[in-house]
Amino acid sequence: MRPNCESCARDLPPDGEAYVCSYECTWCAACRNGFPGPACPNCGGDLQRRPTRVVRPADG
């Protein structure tokens, strides 16, 4: 998963709200809400909420 928004470069934490398309274009919710339609502006793919990544403690 990409660590930041492709539009505004905002850091996207693993458990935060972000959107991705089938080509893994990645957007924060604020930028996504500014798009004129439901498709990715880069590739035209369907945008969906990015699944969260479970943060596991380091082995020690």
N, C-alpha and C. Protein backbone atom coordinates (compact mmCIF):
# COMPACT_ATOMS: atom_id res chain seq x y z
N MET A 1 0.84 -1.18 0.00
CA MET A 1 0.00 0.00 0.00
C MET A 1 0.88 1.24 0.00
N ARG A 2 0.47 2.20 -0.73
CA ARG A 2 1.24 3.44 -0.79
C ARG A 2 1.04 4.23 0.50
N PRO A 3 2.09 4.90 0.95
CA PRO A 3 2.02 5.57 2.25
C PRO A 3 1.40 6.96 2.25
N ASN A 4 1.17 7.54 1.04
CA ASN A 4 0.60 8.89 1.04
C ASN A 4 -0.30 9.12 -0.17
N CYS A 5 -1.08 10.18 -0.09
CA CYS A 5 -2.03 10.55 -1.14
C CYS A 5 -1.29 11.04 -2.38
N GLU A 6 -1.74 10.59 -3.54
CA GLU A 6 -1.10 11.00 -4.79
C GLU A 6 -1.38 12.45 -5.16
N SER A 7 -2.39 13.05 -4.57
CA SER A 7 -2.75 14.42 -4.90
C SER A 7 -2.10 15.44 -3.97
N CYS A 8 -2.27 15.24 -2.67
CA CYS A 8 -1.80 16.24 -1.71
C CYS A 8 -0.57 15.78 -0.91
N ALA A 9 -0.15 14.54 -1.10
CA ALA A 9 1.02 13.96 -0.41
C ALA A 9 0.80 13.77 1.09
N ARG A 10 -0.44 13.86 1.56
CA ARG A 10 -0.75 13.64 2.97
C ARG A 10 -0.38 12.20 3.35
N ASP A 11 0.26 12.03 4.51
CA ASP A 11 0.57 10.70 5.01
C ASP A 11 -0.73 9.96 5.33
N LEU A 12 -0.80 8.69 4.94
CA LEU A 12 -1.98 7.87 5.19
C LEU A 12 -1.61 6.75 6.14
N PRO A 13 -2.04 6.84 7.40
CA PRO A 13 -1.71 5.79 8.35
C PRO A 13 -2.37 4.47 7.94
N PRO A 14 -1.81 3.33 8.37
CA PRO A 14 -2.34 2.04 7.95
C PRO A 14 -3.80 1.80 8.35
N ASP A 15 -4.27 2.48 9.39
CA ASP A 15 -5.65 2.28 9.82
C ASP A 15 -6.54 3.48 9.50
N GLY A 16 -6.07 4.39 8.65
CA GLY A 16 -6.83 5.59 8.30
C GLY A 16 -7.66 5.39 7.05
N GLU A 17 -8.54 6.35 6.79
CA GLU A 17 -9.40 6.27 5.62
C GLU A 17 -8.63 6.70 4.37
N ALA A 18 -8.59 5.81 3.39
CA ALA A 18 -7.95 6.09 2.11
C ALA A 18 -8.71 5.32 1.04
N TYR A 19 -8.50 5.69 -0.21
CA TYR A 19 -9.18 5.05 -1.33
C TYR A 19 -8.14 4.58 -2.34
N VAL A 20 -8.41 3.42 -2.94
CA VAL A 20 -7.53 2.86 -3.97
C VAL A 20 -8.38 2.37 -5.14
N CYS A 21 -7.73 2.25 -6.30
CA CYS A 21 -8.38 1.65 -7.46
C CYS A 21 -7.66 0.35 -7.81
N SER A 22 -8.04 -0.30 -8.86
CA SER A 22 -7.44 -1.58 -9.22
C SER A 22 -5.97 -1.45 -9.63
N TYR A 23 -5.53 -0.25 -9.97
CA TYR A 23 -4.11 -0.02 -10.29
C TYR A 23 -3.34 0.52 -9.09
N GLU A 24 -3.99 0.52 -7.93
CA GLU A 24 -3.41 0.96 -6.67
C GLU A 24 -3.10 2.45 -6.62
N CYS A 25 -3.78 3.24 -7.43
CA CYS A 25 -3.72 4.69 -7.25
C CYS A 25 -4.32 4.95 -5.87
N THR A 26 -3.72 5.82 -5.09
CA THR A 26 -4.09 5.99 -3.69
C THR A 26 -4.42 7.44 -3.39
N TRP A 27 -5.53 7.65 -2.68
CA TRP A 27 -6.03 9.00 -2.40
C TRP A 27 -6.53 9.09 -0.96
N CYS A 28 -6.34 10.26 -0.34
CA CYS A 28 -6.95 10.50 0.97
C CYS A 28 -8.44 10.79 0.76
N ALA A 29 -9.20 10.72 1.83
CA ALA A 29 -10.65 10.94 1.74
C ALA A 29 -10.97 12.36 1.27
N ALA A 30 -10.21 13.35 1.73
CA ALA A 30 -10.49 14.74 1.36
C ALA A 30 -10.32 14.94 -0.15
N CYS A 31 -9.25 14.41 -0.72
CA CYS A 31 -9.03 14.55 -2.16
C CYS A 31 -10.07 13.74 -2.93
N ARG A 32 -10.35 12.54 -2.48
CA ARG A 32 -11.36 11.69 -3.14
C ARG A 32 -12.71 12.38 -3.19
N ASN A 33 -13.08 13.04 -2.13
CA ASN A 33 -14.38 13.73 -2.08
C ASN A 33 -14.45 14.91 -3.03
N GLY A 34 -13.30 15.38 -3.50
CA GLY A 34 -13.27 16.49 -4.44
C GLY A 34 -13.31 16.07 -5.91
N PHE A 35 -13.27 14.76 -6.18
CA PHE A 35 -13.31 14.29 -7.56
C PHE A 35 -14.72 14.48 -8.12
N PRO A 36 -14.83 14.77 -9.42
CA PRO A 36 -16.15 15.02 -10.01
C PRO A 36 -17.02 13.77 -10.15
N GLY A 37 -16.43 12.60 -10.09
CA GLY A 37 -17.21 11.37 -10.24
C GLY A 37 -16.62 10.26 -9.40
N PRO A 38 -17.16 9.04 -9.52
CA PRO A 38 -16.70 7.94 -8.68
C PRO A 38 -15.44 7.24 -9.17
N ALA A 39 -14.92 7.62 -10.32
CA ALA A 39 -13.76 6.94 -10.90
C ALA A 39 -12.45 7.61 -10.53
N CYS A 40 -11.38 6.83 -10.59
CA CYS A 40 -10.03 7.34 -10.36
C CYS A 40 -9.66 8.32 -11.47
N PRO A 41 -9.18 9.52 -11.11
CA PRO A 41 -8.83 10.48 -12.15
C PRO A 41 -7.57 10.10 -12.92
N ASN A 42 -6.75 9.20 -12.39
CA ASN A 42 -5.55 8.75 -13.10
C ASN A 42 -5.86 7.74 -14.20
N CYS A 43 -6.66 6.74 -13.86
CA CYS A 43 -6.82 5.60 -14.77
C CYS A 43 -8.27 5.26 -15.08
N GLY A 44 -9.22 5.89 -14.41
CA GLY A 44 -10.63 5.61 -14.65
C GLY A 44 -11.16 4.41 -13.90
N GLY A 45 -10.33 3.80 -13.06
CA GLY A 45 -10.75 2.63 -12.29
C GLY A 45 -11.72 2.98 -11.17
N ASP A 46 -12.42 1.98 -10.69
CA ASP A 46 -13.39 2.13 -9.61
C ASP A 46 -12.65 2.34 -8.29
N LEU A 47 -12.97 3.39 -7.57
CA LEU A 47 -12.34 3.66 -6.28
C LEU A 47 -13.10 2.98 -5.16
N GLN A 48 -12.35 2.34 -4.29
CA GLN A 48 -12.91 1.65 -3.12
C GLN A 48 -12.09 2.03 -1.90
N ARG A 49 -12.72 1.91 -0.73
CA ARG A 49 -11.96 2.16 0.51
C ARG A 49 -10.83 1.16 0.60
N ARG A 50 -9.68 1.65 0.96
CA ARG A 50 -8.51 0.78 1.12
C ARG A 50 -8.68 -0.07 2.37
N PRO A 51 -8.38 -1.36 2.28
CA PRO A 51 -8.46 -2.18 3.49
C PRO A 51 -7.40 -1.73 4.49
N THR A 52 -7.68 -1.92 5.75
CA THR A 52 -6.72 -1.52 6.77
C THR A 52 -5.62 -2.57 6.89
N ARG A 53 -4.48 -2.14 7.33
CA ARG A 53 -3.36 -3.04 7.55
C ARG A 53 -3.20 -3.20 9.05
N VAL A 54 -3.13 -4.45 9.49
CA VAL A 54 -2.95 -4.73 10.90
C VAL A 54 -1.51 -4.44 11.27
N VAL A 55 -1.32 -3.63 12.29
CA VAL A 55 0.01 -3.31 12.77
C VAL A 55 0.33 -4.30 13.89
N ARG A 56 1.37 -5.07 13.65
CA ARG A 56 1.77 -6.10 14.63
C ARG A 56 3.00 -5.61 15.39
N PRO A 57 3.07 -5.94 16.69
CA PRO A 57 4.26 -5.55 17.45
C PRO A 57 5.49 -6.30 16.91
N ALA A 58 6.63 -5.67 17.04
CA ALA A 58 7.88 -6.28 16.58
C ALA A 58 8.19 -7.52 17.41
N ASP A 59 8.74 -8.52 16.76
CA ASP A 59 9.15 -9.73 17.50
C ASP A 59 10.30 -9.37 18.42
N GLY A 60 10.27 -9.91 19.58
CA GLY A 60 11.34 -9.54 20.50
C GLY A 60 11.60 -10.57 21.43
